[in-house]
Every structure is written in C-alpha cells, then in structure tokens.
Amino acid sequence: MTSEKDLLAELFAQEERLRFSTFDHETAWRLGVQLTEAARARGLGVTVSVRRGTQRLFHAALPGTSADNDAWIERKSRVVDRYGHSSYLVGTRFRVEGSTFEESSRLDPDLYAAHGGVFPIIIDGVGPVGTVGVSGLPQADDHAFVVEQLEIFLAPR
C-alpha cells in the first residue's frame, strides 16, 4: 500500500514528466477528443474539460453525467489555477501536512475542491497555462485516467 508521502512524490513526478512543448486550440481539441473517445470506449460516465487560462477550449459530457460534474471540474480547475499543481496533488499535500484542504486553505469549498481529476497543462520553460480534467469517477480514478491519457498523448510519435 502506498503512503500519502509516496503518493505525493509520484504526483510531483507526474507533473515533471507530463509537459507540452506547445499548446494551442488544435492541441486542446485533439487532447479533449482523445480523452472523450477513451472514456466512451470504456463506458465511463465522465465530463471532460480542456482549458487554456480560463477559456474553455473543449468540453464534453458523456451519458451518466450531470451539471454537478461541470461544477466539480470548475471547482477542481480553480485549485489548479491557484496552486499550479494538479487538484489531487494539492489535496494530498494538505493531508501529508496533517490537515485537509477544506480546513486549512481558507478558500470557499463552493468554489474550490482539491479532489483528483484536473491536471495542469504545463509548457516546458513556461509553466502552467491551462488545465485538463475529468469528473465522474472516484477522485483517484479521475486523476489516473487523465494521467494515463496525457502519457499516451505526449508519447513520442
């Protein structure tokens, strides 16, 4: 069983590894389609979102989702925007430090959620410029799905 500290180290390693050289509207579209098609092939009821800054460049809601999933993605995306790290990493870091995001961040839980599922779009040499995320599965599964798809998308062709 993985400890929270080991998980935190892996989450940081993912962000170091999963970086883009460029990111534009076309990249966002291709990434969003890939996540959506992979989710459809597995019968996953998720909502998919890809953003640059605060502009939503791709959004898809698959059967089994609701407006609640849209709200979850927005709340998780705000965490990534604020902290520059995946929503799962932020929540895990608070737990490793002996607290919770809700107790210690002093942020409105109606606007921010440090639950897994939204990952920063990081450009090498630039830093975070957007987010990619899903909502609809348990938080660890949301996060794992996004990471898996980023690994495929960013693999050398």
N, C-alpha and C. Protein backbone atom coordinates (compact mmCIF):
# COMPACT_ATOMS: atom_id res chain seq x y z
N MET A 1 0.84 -1.19 0.00
CA MET A 1 0.00 0.00 0.00
C MET A 1 0.88 1.25 0.00
N THR A 2 0.52 2.21 -0.84
CA THR A 2 1.30 3.43 -0.99
C THR A 2 0.95 4.41 0.13
N SER A 3 1.98 4.99 0.74
CA SER A 3 1.73 6.01 1.76
C SER A 3 1.37 7.33 1.08
N GLU A 4 0.80 8.23 1.84
CA GLU A 4 0.45 9.55 1.31
C GLU A 4 1.72 10.29 0.84
N LYS A 5 2.84 10.11 1.57
CA LYS A 5 4.09 10.77 1.17
C LYS A 5 4.60 10.20 -0.15
N ASP A 6 4.50 8.88 -0.32
CA ASP A 6 4.91 8.26 -1.59
C ASP A 6 4.01 8.72 -2.72
N LEU A 7 2.71 8.82 -2.44
CA LEU A 7 1.77 9.30 -3.45
C LEU A 7 2.12 10.73 -3.85
N LEU A 8 2.42 11.56 -2.88
CA LEU A 8 2.77 12.96 -3.17
C LEU A 8 4.00 13.03 -4.06
N ALA A 9 5.00 12.22 -3.78
CA ALA A 9 6.21 12.20 -4.61
C ALA A 9 5.87 11.78 -6.04
N GLU A 10 5.00 10.78 -6.20
CA GLU A 10 4.60 10.34 -7.54
C GLU A 10 3.83 11.43 -8.27
N LEU A 11 2.98 12.16 -7.56
CA LEU A 11 2.20 13.23 -8.18
C LEU A 11 3.12 14.35 -8.68
N PHE A 12 4.14 14.70 -7.90
CA PHE A 12 5.11 15.69 -8.36
C PHE A 12 5.86 15.17 -9.58
N ALA A 13 6.24 13.88 -9.56
CA ALA A 13 6.97 13.29 -10.69
C ALA A 13 6.13 13.32 -11.96
N GLN A 14 4.83 13.09 -11.83
CA GLN A 14 3.94 13.15 -13.00
C GLN A 14 3.99 14.53 -13.63
N GLU A 15 3.96 15.56 -12.82
CA GLU A 15 3.97 16.93 -13.35
C GLU A 15 5.31 17.27 -14.00
N GLU A 16 6.38 16.69 -13.53
CA GLU A 16 7.68 16.90 -14.16
C GLU A 16 7.75 16.21 -15.52
N ARG A 17 7.11 15.06 -15.61
CA ARG A 17 7.17 14.21 -16.81
C ARG A 17 6.18 14.63 -17.89
N LEU A 18 5.00 15.05 -17.51
CA LEU A 18 3.91 15.28 -18.46
C LEU A 18 3.81 16.76 -18.84
N ARG A 19 4.68 17.15 -19.75
CA ARG A 19 4.77 18.55 -20.18
C ARG A 19 4.65 18.66 -21.69
N PHE A 20 4.12 19.76 -22.11
CA PHE A 20 3.92 20.06 -23.53
C PHE A 20 5.05 20.95 -24.02
N SER A 21 5.35 20.85 -25.32
CA SER A 21 6.29 21.81 -25.91
C SER A 21 5.53 23.04 -26.39
N THR A 22 4.30 22.84 -26.87
CA THR A 22 3.41 23.93 -27.27
C THR A 22 1.99 23.52 -26.90
N PHE A 23 1.11 24.50 -26.86
CA PHE A 23 -0.29 24.21 -26.56
C PHE A 23 -1.15 25.29 -27.19
N ASP A 24 -2.08 24.88 -28.08
CA ASP A 24 -2.96 25.83 -28.74
C ASP A 24 -4.36 25.22 -28.86
N HIS A 25 -5.24 25.89 -29.59
CA HIS A 25 -6.61 25.41 -29.73
C HIS A 25 -6.66 24.01 -30.35
N GLU A 26 -5.85 23.77 -31.36
CA GLU A 26 -5.83 22.47 -32.02
C GLU A 26 -5.35 21.37 -31.06
N THR A 27 -4.34 21.67 -30.28
CA THR A 27 -3.84 20.71 -29.29
C THR A 27 -4.94 20.39 -28.27
N ALA A 28 -5.63 21.42 -27.82
CA ALA A 28 -6.72 21.24 -26.86
C ALA A 28 -7.81 20.35 -27.45
N TRP A 29 -8.15 20.60 -28.70
CA TRP A 29 -9.19 19.81 -29.36
C TRP A 29 -8.77 18.34 -29.44
N ARG A 30 -7.54 18.08 -29.92
CA ARG A 30 -7.08 16.70 -30.07
C ARG A 30 -7.01 15.99 -28.71
N LEU A 31 -6.54 16.69 -27.68
CA LEU A 31 -6.48 16.10 -26.34
C LEU A 31 -7.88 15.80 -25.81
N GLY A 32 -8.79 16.74 -25.97
CA GLY A 32 -10.16 16.53 -25.50
C GLY A 32 -10.84 15.37 -26.20
N VAL A 33 -10.66 15.29 -27.52
CA VAL A 33 -11.25 14.18 -28.28
C VAL A 33 -10.66 12.85 -27.81
N GLN A 34 -9.35 12.82 -27.60
CA GLN A 34 -8.72 11.58 -27.14
C GLN A 34 -9.31 11.12 -25.81
N LEU A 35 -9.42 12.02 -24.85
CA LEU A 35 -9.99 11.65 -23.55
C LEU A 35 -11.44 11.19 -23.71
N THR A 36 -12.20 11.90 -24.51
CA THR A 36 -13.61 11.57 -24.70
C THR A 36 -13.76 10.20 -25.35
N GLU A 37 -12.99 9.94 -26.38
CA GLU A 37 -13.08 8.64 -27.07
C GLU A 37 -12.63 7.50 -26.16
N ALA A 38 -11.57 7.72 -25.38
CA ALA A 38 -11.11 6.68 -24.45
C ALA A 38 -12.18 6.40 -23.40
N ALA A 39 -12.81 7.45 -22.89
CA ALA A 39 -13.87 7.27 -21.89
C ALA A 39 -15.07 6.54 -22.50
N ARG A 40 -15.45 6.92 -23.71
CA ARG A 40 -16.58 6.25 -24.39
C ARG A 40 -16.28 4.77 -24.62
N ALA A 41 -15.06 4.45 -25.03
CA ALA A 41 -14.68 3.07 -25.29
C ALA A 41 -14.77 2.22 -24.03
N ARG A 42 -14.58 2.83 -22.87
CA ARG A 42 -14.65 2.11 -21.59
C ARG A 42 -16.00 2.22 -20.91
N GLY A 43 -16.90 2.97 -21.52
CA GLY A 43 -18.22 3.15 -20.93
C GLY A 43 -18.20 4.00 -19.66
N LEU A 44 -17.26 4.94 -19.58
CA LEU A 44 -17.14 5.79 -18.39
C LEU A 44 -18.07 7.00 -18.50
N GLY A 45 -18.82 7.24 -17.48
CA GLY A 45 -19.67 8.42 -17.42
C GLY A 45 -18.90 9.58 -16.83
N VAL A 46 -18.17 10.30 -17.69
CA VAL A 46 -17.37 11.43 -17.23
C VAL A 46 -17.65 12.67 -18.08
N THR A 47 -17.34 13.79 -17.49
CA THR A 47 -17.30 15.05 -18.21
C THR A 47 -15.83 15.39 -18.42
N VAL A 48 -15.50 15.88 -19.61
CA VAL A 48 -14.12 16.19 -19.99
C VAL A 48 -14.03 17.69 -20.24
N SER A 49 -12.95 18.29 -19.76
CA SER A 49 -12.73 19.72 -19.97
C SER A 49 -11.26 19.98 -20.26
N VAL A 50 -11.00 20.83 -21.25
CA VAL A 50 -9.64 21.29 -21.53
C VAL A 50 -9.72 22.81 -21.63
N ARG A 51 -8.85 23.49 -20.86
CA ARG A 51 -8.86 24.95 -20.83
C ARG A 51 -7.46 25.51 -21.03
N ARG A 52 -7.38 26.69 -21.61
CA ARG A 52 -6.16 27.50 -21.60
C ARG A 52 -6.51 28.75 -20.82
N GLY A 53 -5.81 28.97 -19.73
CA GLY A 53 -6.20 30.04 -18.82
C GLY A 53 -7.62 29.73 -18.34
N THR A 54 -8.48 30.71 -18.42
CA THR A 54 -9.87 30.49 -18.02
C THR A 54 -10.79 30.20 -19.21
N GLN A 55 -10.21 30.15 -20.41
CA GLN A 55 -11.03 29.88 -21.59
C GLN A 55 -11.19 28.37 -21.79
N ARG A 56 -12.43 27.92 -21.82
CA ARG A 56 -12.71 26.51 -22.09
C ARG A 56 -12.59 26.28 -23.58
N LEU A 57 -11.63 25.44 -23.98
CA LEU A 57 -11.40 25.14 -25.39
C LEU A 57 -12.07 23.84 -25.82
N PHE A 58 -12.36 22.97 -24.84
CA PHE A 58 -13.03 21.69 -25.14
C PHE A 58 -13.86 21.30 -23.94
N HIS A 59 -15.07 20.81 -24.23
CA HIS A 59 -15.95 20.33 -23.16
C HIS A 59 -16.84 19.24 -23.75
N ALA A 60 -16.94 18.12 -23.04
CA ALA A 60 -17.84 17.05 -23.44
C ALA A 60 -18.41 16.40 -22.19
N ALA A 61 -19.71 16.14 -22.22
CA ALA A 61 -20.38 15.46 -21.11
C ALA A 61 -20.97 14.16 -21.65
N LEU A 62 -20.47 13.05 -21.16
CA LEU A 62 -20.91 11.74 -21.63
C LEU A 62 -22.13 11.27 -20.84
N PRO A 63 -22.87 10.30 -21.38
CA PRO A 63 -24.03 9.77 -20.65
C PRO A 63 -23.64 9.33 -19.24
N GLY A 64 -24.51 9.66 -18.31
CA GLY A 64 -24.26 9.33 -16.91
C GLY A 64 -23.74 10.51 -16.11
N THR A 65 -23.52 11.64 -16.79
CA THR A 65 -23.04 12.83 -16.09
C THR A 65 -24.19 13.82 -15.90
N SER A 66 -23.92 14.84 -15.12
CA SER A 66 -24.91 15.88 -14.88
C SER A 66 -24.20 17.22 -14.72
N ALA A 67 -24.96 18.25 -14.49
CA ALA A 67 -24.38 19.58 -14.26
C ALA A 67 -23.48 19.57 -13.03
N ASP A 68 -23.68 18.64 -12.10
CA ASP A 68 -22.78 18.53 -10.94
C ASP A 68 -21.35 18.25 -11.38
N ASN A 69 -21.18 17.45 -12.42
CA ASN A 69 -19.83 17.16 -12.91
C ASN A 69 -19.18 18.42 -13.48
N ASP A 70 -19.95 19.26 -14.15
CA ASP A 70 -19.43 20.54 -14.64
C ASP A 70 -18.95 21.38 -13.46
N ALA A 71 -19.73 21.42 -12.40
CA ALA A 71 -19.37 22.20 -11.21
C ALA A 71 -18.11 21.65 -10.54
N TRP A 72 -18.00 20.33 -10.46
CA TRP A 72 -16.79 19.71 -9.89
C TRP A 72 -15.56 20.09 -10.69
N ILE A 73 -15.64 20.02 -12.01
CA ILE A 73 -14.49 20.38 -12.84
C ILE A 73 -14.11 21.85 -12.61
N GLU A 74 -15.09 22.72 -12.53
CA GLU A 74 -14.79 24.14 -12.30
C GLU A 74 -14.09 24.33 -10.96
N ARG A 75 -14.59 23.67 -9.91
CA ARG A 75 -14.01 23.81 -8.57
C ARG A 75 -12.58 23.25 -8.54
N LYS A 76 -12.37 22.09 -9.19
CA LYS A 76 -11.03 21.49 -9.22
C LYS A 76 -10.09 22.33 -10.08
N SER A 77 -10.60 22.90 -11.18
CA SER A 77 -9.78 23.74 -12.05
C SER A 77 -9.32 25.00 -11.32
N ARG A 78 -10.16 25.57 -10.48
CA ARG A 78 -9.76 26.76 -9.72
C ARG A 78 -8.59 26.44 -8.79
N VAL A 79 -8.57 25.23 -8.23
CA VAL A 79 -7.46 24.81 -7.38
C VAL A 79 -6.17 24.75 -8.20
N VAL A 80 -6.25 24.15 -9.39
CA VAL A 80 -5.06 24.05 -10.25
C VAL A 80 -4.60 25.45 -10.67
N ASP A 81 -5.53 26.32 -11.03
CA ASP A 81 -5.19 27.69 -11.41
C ASP A 81 -4.48 28.42 -10.26
N ARG A 82 -4.95 28.23 -9.06
CA ARG A 82 -4.42 28.95 -7.90
C ARG A 82 -3.07 28.41 -7.45
N TYR A 83 -2.93 27.07 -7.43
CA TYR A 83 -1.73 26.45 -6.87
C TYR A 83 -0.72 26.00 -7.94
N GLY A 84 -1.13 25.90 -9.19
CA GLY A 84 -0.21 25.49 -10.25
C GLY A 84 0.12 24.01 -10.26
N HIS A 85 -0.64 23.22 -9.52
CA HIS A 85 -0.44 21.77 -9.43
C HIS A 85 -1.77 21.07 -9.59
N SER A 86 -1.71 19.76 -9.85
CA SER A 86 -2.95 19.00 -10.02
C SER A 86 -3.82 19.10 -8.76
N SER A 87 -5.10 19.03 -8.97
CA SER A 87 -6.03 19.11 -7.84
C SER A 87 -5.79 17.97 -6.85
N TYR A 88 -5.39 16.80 -7.33
CA TYR A 88 -5.10 15.67 -6.46
C TYR A 88 -3.83 15.92 -5.65
N LEU A 89 -2.80 16.49 -6.28
CA LEU A 89 -1.57 16.80 -5.56
C LEU A 89 -1.85 17.80 -4.45
N VAL A 90 -2.62 18.83 -4.72
CA VAL A 90 -2.89 19.85 -3.71
C VAL A 90 -3.60 19.23 -2.50
N GLY A 91 -4.64 18.43 -2.74
CA GLY A 91 -5.34 17.79 -1.63
C GLY A 91 -4.44 16.84 -0.87
N THR A 92 -3.61 16.10 -1.59
CA THR A 92 -2.70 15.15 -0.95
C THR A 92 -1.67 15.89 -0.10
N ARG A 93 -1.15 17.00 -0.62
CA ARG A 93 -0.15 17.77 0.15
C ARG A 93 -0.73 18.27 1.48
N PHE A 94 -1.95 18.73 1.47
CA PHE A 94 -2.57 19.16 2.73
C PHE A 94 -2.69 17.99 3.70
N ARG A 95 -3.05 16.81 3.19
CA ARG A 95 -3.16 15.63 4.07
C ARG A 95 -1.79 15.23 4.62
N VAL A 96 -0.76 15.25 3.78
CA VAL A 96 0.59 14.92 4.24
C VAL A 96 1.03 15.89 5.34
N GLU A 97 0.61 17.14 5.24
CA GLU A 97 0.97 18.15 6.24
C GLU A 97 0.09 18.06 7.49
N GLY A 98 -0.81 17.06 7.54
CA GLY A 98 -1.58 16.82 8.75
C GLY A 98 -2.90 17.55 8.84
N SER A 99 -3.41 18.02 7.73
CA SER A 99 -4.67 18.75 7.72
C SER A 99 -5.47 18.32 6.50
N THR A 100 -6.44 19.13 6.14
CA THR A 100 -7.17 18.94 4.89
C THR A 100 -7.24 20.28 4.19
N PHE A 101 -7.47 20.22 2.91
CA PHE A 101 -7.63 21.44 2.12
C PHE A 101 -8.77 22.28 2.69
N GLU A 102 -9.88 21.62 2.98
CA GLU A 102 -11.06 22.34 3.46
C GLU A 102 -10.79 23.05 4.78
N GLU A 103 -10.01 22.41 5.68
CA GLU A 103 -9.71 23.01 6.98
C GLU A 103 -8.70 24.15 6.90
N SER A 104 -7.69 24.00 6.04
CA SER A 104 -6.54 24.90 6.11
C SER A 104 -6.38 25.90 4.97
N SER A 105 -7.05 25.72 3.85
CA SER A 105 -6.81 26.62 2.70
C SER A 105 -7.46 27.98 2.87
N ARG A 106 -8.50 28.03 3.67
CA ARG A 106 -9.28 29.25 3.87
C ARG A 106 -10.01 29.70 2.61
N LEU A 107 -10.21 28.73 1.68
CA LEU A 107 -10.93 29.02 0.44
C LEU A 107 -12.34 28.45 0.52
N ASP A 108 -13.25 29.10 -0.16
CA ASP A 108 -14.65 28.70 -0.17
C ASP A 108 -14.81 27.34 -0.85
N PRO A 109 -15.29 26.31 -0.12
CA PRO A 109 -15.46 24.98 -0.72
C PRO A 109 -16.53 24.93 -1.80
N ASP A 110 -17.36 25.95 -1.90
CA ASP A 110 -18.31 26.01 -3.01
C ASP A 110 -17.63 26.44 -4.31
N LEU A 111 -16.40 26.99 -4.19
CA LEU A 111 -15.66 27.45 -5.36
C LEU A 111 -14.40 26.64 -5.64
N TYR A 112 -13.84 25.98 -4.63
CA TYR A 112 -12.59 25.25 -4.75
C TYR A 112 -12.73 23.83 -4.20
N ALA A 113 -12.19 22.86 -4.94
CA ALA A 113 -12.20 21.46 -4.49
C ALA A 113 -10.86 20.81 -4.84
N ALA A 114 -10.11 20.42 -3.81
CA ALA A 114 -8.81 19.77 -4.02
C ALA A 114 -9.02 18.26 -4.07
N HIS A 115 -9.79 17.82 -5.04
CA HIS A 115 -10.06 16.40 -5.29
C HIS A 115 -9.47 16.06 -6.65
N GLY A 116 -9.06 14.83 -6.82
CA GLY A 116 -8.40 14.41 -8.05
C GLY A 116 -9.25 14.55 -9.29
N GLY A 117 -8.57 14.82 -10.41
CA GLY A 117 -9.26 14.85 -11.69
C GLY A 117 -8.88 15.97 -12.62
N VAL A 118 -8.22 17.02 -12.12
CA VAL A 118 -7.80 18.11 -13.00
C VAL A 118 -6.29 18.26 -12.88
N PHE A 119 -5.64 18.30 -14.04
CA PHE A 119 -4.18 18.31 -14.14
C PHE A 119 -3.76 19.57 -14.88
N PRO A 120 -2.64 20.18 -14.48
CA PRO A 120 -2.20 21.39 -15.20
C PRO A 120 -1.63 21.07 -16.58
N ILE A 121 -1.93 21.92 -17.54
CA ILE A 121 -1.26 21.90 -18.84
C ILE A 121 0.01 22.72 -18.62
N ILE A 122 1.15 22.04 -18.63
CA ILE A 122 2.43 22.69 -18.35
C ILE A 122 3.25 22.70 -19.64
N ILE A 123 3.71 23.89 -20.02
CA ILE A 123 4.60 24.01 -21.18
C ILE A 123 6.02 24.12 -20.66
N ASP A 124 6.91 23.28 -21.20
CA ASP A 124 8.32 23.32 -20.83
C ASP A 124 8.87 24.72 -20.96
N GLY A 125 9.54 25.20 -19.93
CA GLY A 125 10.15 26.52 -19.96
C GLY A 125 9.20 27.66 -19.73
N VAL A 126 7.90 27.37 -19.63
CA VAL A 126 6.89 28.41 -19.43
C VAL A 126 6.17 28.21 -18.10
N GLY A 127 5.66 26.99 -17.86
CA GLY A 127 4.90 26.69 -16.66
C GLY A 127 3.46 26.38 -17.01
N PRO A 128 2.59 26.36 -16.00
CA PRO A 128 1.18 26.04 -16.23
C PRO A 128 0.47 27.11 -17.05
N VAL A 129 -0.27 26.67 -18.08
CA VAL A 129 -1.02 27.60 -18.92
C VAL A 129 -2.50 27.24 -19.03
N GLY A 130 -2.90 26.12 -18.44
CA GLY A 130 -4.28 25.68 -18.54
C GLY A 130 -4.50 24.41 -17.76
N THR A 131 -5.62 23.76 -18.05
CA THR A 131 -5.97 22.54 -17.32
C THR A 131 -6.62 21.53 -18.25
N VAL A 132 -6.50 20.27 -17.87
CA VAL A 132 -7.24 19.18 -18.49
C VAL A 132 -7.83 18.38 -17.35
N GLY A 133 -9.12 18.05 -17.46
CA GLY A 133 -9.71 17.33 -16.35
C GLY A 133 -10.93 16.53 -16.72
N VAL A 134 -11.25 15.61 -15.80
CA VAL A 134 -12.47 14.83 -15.90
C VAL A 134 -13.15 14.81 -14.53
N SER A 135 -14.44 14.55 -14.57
CA SER A 135 -15.23 14.38 -13.36
C SER A 135 -16.27 13.30 -13.62
N GLY A 136 -16.43 12.42 -12.66
CA GLY A 136 -17.45 11.39 -12.77
C GLY A 136 -17.06 10.09 -12.10
N LEU A 137 -15.78 9.91 -11.82
CA LEU A 137 -15.27 8.72 -11.17
C LEU A 137 -14.79 9.09 -9.77
N PRO A 138 -14.45 8.10 -8.93
CA PRO A 138 -13.78 8.45 -7.67
C PRO A 138 -12.52 9.25 -7.97
N GLN A 139 -12.12 10.13 -7.05
CA GLN A 139 -11.06 11.09 -7.35
C GLN A 139 -9.75 10.47 -7.81
N ALA A 140 -9.33 9.36 -7.22
CA ALA A 140 -8.08 8.72 -7.65
C ALA A 140 -8.21 8.20 -9.07
N ASP A 141 -9.39 7.71 -9.43
CA ASP A 141 -9.63 7.20 -10.78
C ASP A 141 -9.72 8.33 -11.79
N ASP A 142 -10.37 9.44 -11.43
CA ASP A 142 -10.38 10.62 -12.30
C ASP A 142 -8.95 11.03 -12.63
N HIS A 143 -8.13 11.14 -11.58
CA HIS A 143 -6.74 11.56 -11.77
C HIS A 143 -5.97 10.56 -12.63
N ALA A 144 -6.10 9.28 -12.30
CA ALA A 144 -5.35 8.24 -13.03
C ALA A 144 -5.73 8.22 -14.51
N PHE A 145 -7.00 8.44 -14.82
CA PHE A 145 -7.45 8.45 -16.21
C PHE A 145 -6.81 9.61 -16.97
N VAL A 146 -6.81 10.79 -16.37
CA VAL A 146 -6.20 11.96 -17.03
C VAL A 146 -4.72 11.72 -17.25
N VAL A 147 -4.02 11.22 -16.24
CA VAL A 147 -2.58 10.96 -16.36
C VAL A 147 -2.30 9.92 -17.45
N GLU A 148 -3.07 8.85 -17.45
CA GLU A 148 -2.90 7.81 -18.48
C GLU A 148 -3.05 8.40 -19.88
N GLN A 149 -4.07 9.21 -20.06
CA GLN A 149 -4.31 9.79 -21.38
C GLN A 149 -3.25 10.83 -21.75
N LEU A 150 -2.75 11.58 -20.79
CA LEU A 150 -1.65 12.51 -21.07
C LEU A 150 -0.40 11.75 -21.47
N GLU A 151 -0.13 10.63 -20.81
CA GLU A 151 1.05 9.82 -21.16
C GLU A 151 0.95 9.34 -22.60
N ILE A 152 -0.23 8.93 -23.01
CA ILE A 152 -0.43 8.47 -24.39
C ILE A 152 -0.29 9.66 -25.35
N PHE A 153 -0.94 10.75 -25.02
CA PHE A 153 -0.96 11.93 -25.90
C PHE A 153 0.44 12.51 -26.09
N LEU A 154 1.23 12.53 -25.02
CA LEU A 154 2.56 13.16 -25.07
C LEU A 154 3.68 12.20 -25.47
N ALA A 155 3.34 10.92 -25.66
CA ALA A 155 4.37 9.95 -26.05
C ALA A 155 4.96 10.35 -27.40
N PRO A 156 6.28 10.16 -27.53
CA PRO A 156 6.89 10.47 -28.83
C PRO A 156 6.21 9.68 -29.95
N ARG A 157 5.94 10.38 -31.04
CA ARG A 157 5.23 9.73 -32.15
C ARG A 157 6.20 9.18 -33.16
